[in-house]
Amino acid sequence: MKMKKGLLMVVLLLALSSIMAAMSYNKASVTSASELKVVNTNQALLSLEANTPWSWQSTVGAKDHTTVVKDGELFIQFGKGINGGTGAAEFYGLQPNSEYQWNPLFTLRNKSAETIKVTVRATGPYADLISFASVNQGQAQSGVFAWGAQGQSLVIDQVTKETKSGMQNIRNIAVKINVPKGHAISQAALMGSIIVESEAVN
């Protein structure tokens, strides 16, 4: 009799565990509201601005508008000038055996609460002609600062968050292009990119 009761209890426990397993779920779907804004590059979390945006910054070297915001992104034309007859912008280019500098070419601003490491690099057929530097206002005006190695990325180890002064989260990026003697000449533009990458470090 005890044996039958024990066996019955085991059968009941197995049946109960099967019922409980059937009451569990295998799938779930939980929806949470979220938001995304797609904005111009000069308004984004990691902002890129054509030249420097402040009224006290010298505009010498920026009048050709080498860098502009186009379709929400920075657009850069190395060798842009104006047509003397019409005053309209014209894309001329650069010649062999020449060096050109833009001090600075654009500004980046960290609007995150994070401290970030920033890497600036070039891609495309002219990437090995480019040097980068991070410059402050005085260096940009004097032209005296250290350039990175030609053809290499620029790494800025720490760009902190913005606080009251609003300056420590900003870096001005200068660009130098050395076109070697004997470089092939073509009216077709060499297409490439300047890429800014960031990574939170603190």
C-alpha atoms as a PDB file:
ATOM      1  CA  MET A   1       0.000   0.000   0.000  1.00  0.00           C
ATOM      2  CA  LYS A   2       2.806   2.383   0.940  1.00  0.00           C
ATOM      3  CA  MET A   3       4.503   1.500  -2.330  1.00  0.00           C
ATOM      4  CA  LYS A   4       1.380   2.402  -4.324  1.00  0.00           C
ATOM      5  CA  LYS A   5       1.013   5.703  -2.439  1.00  0.00           C
ATOM      6  CA  GLY A   6       4.653   6.598  -3.149  1.00  0.00           C
ATOM      7  CA  LEU A   7       4.273   5.725  -6.813  1.00  0.00           C
ATOM      8  CA  LEU A   8       1.086   7.776  -7.027  1.00  0.00           C
ATOM      9  CA  MET A   9       2.877  10.744  -5.430  1.00  0.00           C
ATOM     10  CA  VAL A  10       5.709  10.536  -7.993  1.00  0.00           C
ATOM     11  CA  VAL A  11       3.185  10.409 -10.860  1.00  0.00           C
ATOM     12  CA  LEU A  12       1.332  13.443  -9.426  1.00  0.00           C
ATOM     13  CA  LEU A  13       4.576  15.419  -9.052  1.00  0.00           C
ATOM     14  CA  LEU A  14       5.585  14.626 -12.627  1.00  0.00           C
ATOM     15  CA  ALA A  15       2.148  15.680 -13.897  1.00  0.00           C
ATOM     16  CA  LEU A  16       2.312  18.914 -11.877  1.00  0.00           C
ATOM     17  CA  SER A  17       5.777  19.787 -13.195  1.00  0.00           C
ATOM     18  CA  SER A  18       4.558  19.189 -16.773  1.00  0.00           C
ATOM     19  CA  ILE A  19       1.583  21.516 -16.206  1.00  0.00           C
ATOM     20  CA  MET A  20       3.885  24.213 -14.748  1.00  0.00           C
ATOM     21  CA  ALA A  21       6.277  23.860 -17.698  1.00  0.00           C
ATOM     22  CA  ALA A  22       3.327  24.318 -20.042  1.00  0.00           C
ATOM     23  CA  MET A  23       2.418  27.516 -18.155  1.00  0.00           C
ATOM     24  CA  SER A  24       5.907  29.067 -18.816  1.00  0.00           C
ATOM     25  CA  TYR A  25       6.582  31.011 -22.020  1.00  0.00           C
ATOM     26  CA  ASN A  26       9.113  30.539 -24.781  1.00  0.00           C
ATOM     27  CA  LYS A  27       8.915  34.000 -26.372  1.00  0.00           C
ATOM     28  CA  ALA A  28       8.409  37.566 -25.251  1.00  0.00           C
ATOM     29  CA  SER A  29       8.217  40.943 -26.936  1.00  0.00           C
ATOM     30  CA  VAL A  30       8.551  44.143 -24.911  1.00  0.00           C
ATOM     31  CA  THR A  31       8.353  47.528 -26.617  1.00  0.00           C
ATOM     32  CA  SER A  32      10.087  50.637 -25.252  1.00  0.00           C
ATOM     33  CA  ALA A  33       9.779  54.112 -26.707  1.00  0.00           C
ATOM     34  CA  SER A  34      12.935  55.628 -28.210  1.00  0.00           C
ATOM     35  CA  GLU A  35      13.963  58.706 -30.155  1.00  0.00           C
ATOM     36  CA  LEU A  36      16.495  59.458 -32.881  1.00  0.00           C
ATOM     37  CA  LYS A  37      17.232  62.795 -34.510  1.00  0.00           C
ATOM     38  CA  VAL A  38      19.230  63.037 -37.730  1.00  0.00           C
ATOM     39  CA  VAL A  39      20.779  66.523 -37.786  1.00  0.00           C
ATOM     40  CA  ASN A  40      23.503  68.491 -39.565  1.00  0.00           C
ATOM     41  CA  THR A  41      27.024  67.415 -38.613  1.00  0.00           C
ATOM     42  CA  ASN A  42      27.605  70.746 -36.809  1.00  0.00           C
ATOM     43  CA  GLN A  43      24.665  69.980 -34.466  1.00  0.00           C
ATOM     44  CA  ALA A  44      25.424  66.320 -33.693  1.00  0.00           C
ATOM     45  CA  LEU A  45      26.700  64.603 -30.524  1.00  0.00           C
ATOM     46  CA  LEU A  46      30.209  64.550 -32.044  1.00  0.00           C
ATOM     47  CA  SER A  47      30.000  67.826 -33.965  1.00  0.00           C
ATOM     48  CA  LEU A  48      32.144  68.650 -36.978  1.00  0.00           C
ATOM     49  CA  GLU A  49      32.138  72.291 -38.034  1.00  0.00           C
ATOM     50  CA  ALA A  50      33.616  73.950 -41.101  1.00  0.00           C
ATOM     51  CA  ASN A  51      36.512  76.007 -39.750  1.00  0.00           C
ATOM     52  CA  THR A  52      36.014  77.571 -36.322  1.00  0.00           C
ATOM     53  CA  PRO A  53      32.638  79.054 -35.391  1.00  0.00           C
ATOM     54  CA  TRP A  54      33.672  81.882 -33.075  1.00  0.00           C
ATOM     55  CA  SER A  55      33.585  85.569 -33.959  1.00  0.00           C
ATOM     56  CA  TRP A  56      36.988  86.172 -32.312  1.00  0.00           C
ATOM     57  CA  GLN A  57      38.717  83.601 -34.536  1.00  0.00           C
ATOM     58  CA  SER A  58      40.685  84.973 -37.471  1.00  0.00           C
ATOM     59  CA  THR A  59      39.013  84.238 -40.802  1.00  0.00           C
ATOM     60  CA  VAL A  60      42.287  84.477 -42.752  1.00  0.00           C
ATOM     61  CA  GLY A  61      42.653  81.267 -44.753  1.00  0.00           C
ATOM     62  CA  ALA A  62      38.940  80.431 -44.515  1.00  0.00           C
ATOM     63  CA  LYS A  63      37.510  82.711 -47.206  1.00  0.00           C
ATOM     64  CA  ASP A  64      37.634  80.043 -49.934  1.00  0.00           C
ATOM     65  CA  HIS A  65      35.223  77.844 -47.940  1.00  0.00           C
ATOM     66  CA  THR A  66      37.309  74.731 -48.572  1.00  0.00           C
ATOM     67  CA  THR A  67      35.049  73.004 -46.025  1.00  0.00           C
ATOM     68  CA  VAL A  68      31.269  73.457 -46.012  1.00  0.00           C
ATOM     69  CA  VAL A  69      28.262  71.562 -44.663  1.00  0.00           C
ATOM     70  CA  LYS A  70      26.488  69.834 -47.562  1.00  0.00           C
ATOM     71  CA  ASP A  71      23.560  67.424 -47.158  1.00  0.00           C
ATOM     72  CA  GLY A  72      24.216  67.366 -43.407  1.00  0.00           C
ATOM     73  CA  GLU A  73      27.884  66.310 -43.739  1.00  0.00           C
ATOM     74  CA  LEU A  74      31.213  68.113 -44.024  1.00  0.00           C
ATOM     75  CA  PHE A  75      32.228  68.418 -47.665  1.00  0.00           C
ATOM     76  CA  ILE A  76      35.845  69.305 -48.443  1.00  0.00           C
ATOM     77  CA  GLN A  77      37.314  70.477 -51.765  1.00  0.00           C
ATOM     78  CA  PHE A  78      41.092  70.912 -51.595  1.00  0.00           C
ATOM     79  CA  GLY A  79      41.949  73.611 -54.125  1.00  0.00           C
ATOM     80  CA  LYS A  80      38.694  75.554 -54.045  1.00  0.00           C
ATOM     81  CA  GLY A  81      38.825  79.261 -54.879  1.00  0.00           C
ATOM     82  CA  ILE A  82      36.758  81.847 -56.737  1.00  0.00           C
ATOM     83  CA  ASN A  83      36.272  82.787 -60.359  1.00  0.00           C
ATOM     84  CA  GLY A  84      37.799  86.247 -60.731  1.00  0.00           C
ATOM     85  CA  GLY A  85      35.285  87.252 -63.374  1.00  0.00           C
ATOM     86  CA  THR A  86      32.103  86.191 -61.633  1.00  0.00           C
ATOM     87  CA  GLY A  87      33.141  85.889 -57.988  1.00  0.00           C
ATOM     88  CA  ALA A  88      31.514  82.441 -57.879  1.00  0.00           C
ATOM     89  CA  ALA A  89      33.211  79.512 -56.140  1.00  0.00           C
ATOM     90  CA  GLU A  90      35.371  77.376 -58.418  1.00  0.00           C
ATOM     91  CA  PHE A  91      37.242  74.116 -57.787  1.00  0.00           C
ATOM     92  CA  TYR A  92      40.760  74.533 -59.221  1.00  0.00           C
ATOM     93  CA  GLY A  93      42.915  71.842 -57.588  1.00  0.00           C
ATOM     94  CA  LEU A  94      46.558  71.641 -56.449  1.00  0.00           C
ATOM     95  CA  GLN A  95      49.704  71.275 -58.569  1.00  0.00           C
ATOM     96  CA  PRO A  96      52.625  68.795 -58.385  1.00  0.00           C
ATOM     97  CA  ASN A  97      55.606  69.767 -56.195  1.00  0.00           C
ATOM     98  CA  SER A  98      53.447  71.867 -53.841  1.00  0.00           C
ATOM     99  CA  GLU A  99      52.431  72.067 -50.200  1.00  0.00           C
ATOM    100  CA  TYR A 100      49.168  73.572 -48.952  1.00  0.00           C
ATOM    101  CA  GLN A 101      47.983  74.065 -45.358  1.00  0.00           C
ATOM    102  CA  TRP A 102      44.584  74.784 -43.818  1.00  0.00           C
ATOM    103  CA  ASN A 103      45.050  75.942 -40.213  1.00  0.00           C
ATOM    104  CA  PRO A 104      42.472  74.759 -39.216  1.00  0.00           C
ATOM    105  CA  LEU A 105      40.348  72.962 -41.803  1.00  0.00           C
ATOM    106  CA  PHE A 106      37.545  72.017 -39.415  1.00  0.00           C
ATOM    107  CA  THR A 107      36.620  71.867 -35.740  1.00  0.00           C
ATOM    108  CA  LEU A 108      35.332  68.939 -33.714  1.00  0.00           C
ATOM    109  CA  ARG A 109      33.339  69.273 -30.502  1.00  0.00           C
ATOM    110  CA  ASN A 110      32.558  66.544 -27.949  1.00  0.00           C
ATOM    111  CA  LYS A 111      28.996  67.086 -26.669  1.00  0.00           C
ATOM    112  CA  SER A 112      28.882  63.784 -24.763  1.00  0.00           C
ATOM    113  CA  ALA A 113      29.230  63.362 -20.991  1.00  0.00           C
ATOM    114  CA  GLU A 114      32.066  60.925 -21.800  1.00  0.00           C
ATOM    115  CA  THR A 115      35.756  61.701 -22.244  1.00  0.00           C
ATOM    116  CA  ILE A 116      36.645  60.430 -25.691  1.00  0.00           C
ATOM    117  CA  LYS A 117      39.695  59.367 -27.677  1.00  0.00           C
ATOM    118  CA  VAL A 118      39.544  60.754 -31.220  1.00  0.00           C
ATOM    119  CA  THR A 119      41.248  59.433 -34.349  1.00  0.00           C
ATOM    120  CA  VAL A 120      41.316  61.487 -37.564  1.00  0.00           C
ATOM    121  CA  ARG A 121      42.392  59.690 -40.741  1.00  0.00           C
ATOM    122  CA  ALA A 122      42.186  59.988 -44.505  1.00  0.00           C
ATOM    123  CA  THR A 123      41.170  57.360 -47.030  1.00  0.00           C
ATOM    124  CA  GLY A 124      41.390  57.266 -50.803  1.00  0.00           C
ATOM    125  CA  PRO A 125      44.109  57.877 -53.400  1.00  0.00           C
ATOM    126  CA  TYR A 126      45.481  61.012 -51.711  1.00  0.00           C
ATOM    127  CA  ALA A 127      45.551  59.651 -48.120  1.00  0.00           C
ATOM    128  CA  ASP A 128      49.355  59.277 -48.205  1.00  0.00           C
ATOM    129  CA  LEU A 129      49.730  62.994 -49.100  1.00  0.00           C
ATOM    130  CA  ILE A 130      47.931  64.305 -45.979  1.00  0.00           C
ATOM    131  CA  SER A 131      49.263  65.306 -42.558  1.00  0.00           C
ATOM    132  CA  PHE A 132      47.048  66.274 -39.597  1.00  0.00           C
ATOM    133  CA  ALA A 133      47.538  68.414 -36.492  1.00  0.00           C
ATOM    134  CA  SER A 134      45.424  69.515 -33.540  1.00  0.00           C
ATOM    135  CA  VAL A 135      45.835  73.280 -33.035  1.00  0.00           C
ATOM    136  CA  ASN A 136      44.561  75.946 -30.660  1.00  0.00           C
ATOM    137  CA  GLN A 137      43.622  79.491 -31.673  1.00  0.00           C
ATOM    138  CA  GLY A 138      47.098  80.960 -31.195  1.00  0.00           C
ATOM    139  CA  GLN A 139      48.770  78.133 -33.117  1.00  0.00           C
ATOM    140  CA  ALA A 140      46.244  78.414 -35.944  1.00  0.00           C
ATOM    141  CA  GLN A 141      47.027  82.112 -36.326  1.00  0.00           C
ATOM    142  CA  SER A 142      50.810  81.772 -35.995  1.00  0.00           C
ATOM    143  CA  GLY A 143      51.157  78.562 -38.016  1.00  0.00           C
ATOM    144  CA  VAL A 144      53.685  77.280 -35.443  1.00  0.00           C
ATOM    145  CA  PHE A 145      52.808  73.767 -34.241  1.00  0.00           C
ATOM    146  CA  ALA A 146      53.855  70.133 -34.695  1.00  0.00           C
ATOM    147  CA  TRP A 147      52.403  68.158 -37.602  1.00  0.00           C
ATOM    148  CA  GLY A 148      51.737  64.439 -37.418  1.00  0.00           C
ATOM    149  CA  ALA A 149      53.543  62.084 -39.794  1.00  0.00           C
ATOM    150  CA  GLN A 150      52.455  62.337 -43.429  1.00  0.00           C
ATOM    151  CA  GLY A 151      49.995  59.618 -44.398  1.00  0.00           C
ATOM    152  CA  GLN A 152      49.325  58.688 -40.745  1.00  0.00           C
ATOM    153  CA  SER A 153      46.267  59.094 -38.525  1.00  0.00           C
ATOM    154  CA  LEU A 154      46.087  61.807 -35.875  1.00  0.00           C
ATOM    155  CA  VAL A 155      45.201  60.428 -32.421  1.00  0.00           C
ATOM    156  CA  ILE A 156      43.959  62.764 -29.679  1.00  0.00           C
ATOM    157  CA  ASP A 157      43.978  60.716 -26.473  1.00  0.00           C
ATOM    158  CA  GLN A 158      41.518  62.769 -24.430  1.00  0.00           C
ATOM    159  CA  VAL A 159      38.789  65.192 -25.445  1.00  0.00           C
ATOM    160  CA  THR A 160      36.808  65.848 -22.279  1.00  0.00           C
ATOM    161  CA  LYS A 161      33.165  66.782 -21.871  1.00  0.00           C
ATOM    162  CA  GLU A 162      31.999  70.384 -22.056  1.00  0.00           C
ATOM    163  CA  THR A 163      31.873  72.306 -18.787  1.00  0.00           C
ATOM    164  CA  LYS A 164      31.238  75.978 -18.020  1.00  0.00           C
ATOM    165  CA  SER A 165      34.019  77.436 -20.190  1.00  0.00           C
ATOM    166  CA  GLY A 166      32.983  75.318 -23.175  1.00  0.00           C
ATOM    167  CA  MET A 167      36.538  75.082 -24.596  1.00  0.00           C
ATOM    168  CA  GLN A 168      38.126  71.866 -23.290  1.00  0.00           C
ATOM    169  CA  ASN A 169      35.793  69.732 -25.428  1.00  0.00           C
ATOM    170  CA  ILE A 170      36.853  71.400 -28.716  1.00  0.00           C
ATOM    171  CA  ARG A 171      39.748  70.569 -31.075  1.00  0.00           C
ATOM    172  CA  ASN A 172      40.696  72.436 -34.248  1.00  0.00           C
ATOM    173  CA  ILE A 173      42.032  70.098 -36.931  1.00  0.00           C
ATOM    174  CA  ALA A 174      44.655  71.441 -39.340  1.00  0.00           C
ATOM    175  CA  VAL A 175      45.436  69.668 -42.608  1.00  0.00           C
ATOM    176  CA  LYS A 176      48.544  69.824 -44.812  1.00  0.00           C
ATOM    177  CA  ILE A 177      48.796  68.302 -48.283  1.00  0.00           C
ATOM    178  CA  ASN A 178      52.139  67.628 -49.990  1.00  0.00           C
ATOM    179  CA  VAL A 179      51.733  66.842 -53.689  1.00  0.00           C
ATOM    180  CA  PRO A 180      55.043  65.339 -54.866  1.00  0.00           C
ATOM    181  CA  LYS A 181      56.947  66.388 -57.963  1.00  0.00           C
ATOM    182  CA  GLY A 182      55.888  64.293 -60.945  1.00  0.00           C
ATOM    183  CA  HIS A 183      52.452  63.425 -59.551  1.00  0.00           C
ATOM    184  CA  ALA A 184      50.007  62.550 -62.353  1.00  0.00           C
ATOM    185  CA  ILE A 185      47.882  65.464 -63.573  1.00  0.00           C
ATOM    186  CA  SER A 186      44.189  64.991 -64.275  1.00  0.00           C
ATOM    187  CA  GLN A 187      41.083  67.197 -64.404  1.00  0.00           C
ATOM    188  CA  ALA A 188      39.170  64.395 -62.661  1.00  0.00           C
ATOM    189  CA  ALA A 189      38.906  64.877 -58.895  1.00  0.00           C
ATOM    190  CA  LEU A 190      40.557  62.275 -56.658  1.00  0.00           C
ATOM    191  CA  MET A 191      37.775  61.032 -54.389  1.00  0.00           C
ATOM    192  CA  GLY A 192      38.498  60.201 -50.767  1.00  0.00           C
ATOM    193  CA  SER A 193      37.323  60.866 -47.222  1.00  0.00           C
ATOM    194  CA  ILE A 194      38.486  62.312 -43.939  1.00  0.00           C
ATOM    195  CA  ILE A 195      37.131  60.108 -41.166  1.00  0.00           C
ATOM    196  CA  VAL A 196      36.748  61.137 -37.516  1.00  0.00           C
ATOM    197  CA  GLU A 197      36.362  58.230 -35.077  1.00  0.00           C
ATOM    198  CA  SER A 198      35.730  58.503 -31.342  1.00  0.00           C
ATOM    199  CA  GLU A 199      35.767  56.042 -28.457  1.00  0.00           C
ATOM    200  CA  ALA A 200      34.750  56.638 -24.833  1.00  0.00           C
ATOM    201  CA  VAL A 201      37.770  56.198 -22.543  1.00  0.00           C
ATOM    202  CA  ASN A 202      36.550  57.298 -19.068  1.00  0.00           C
END
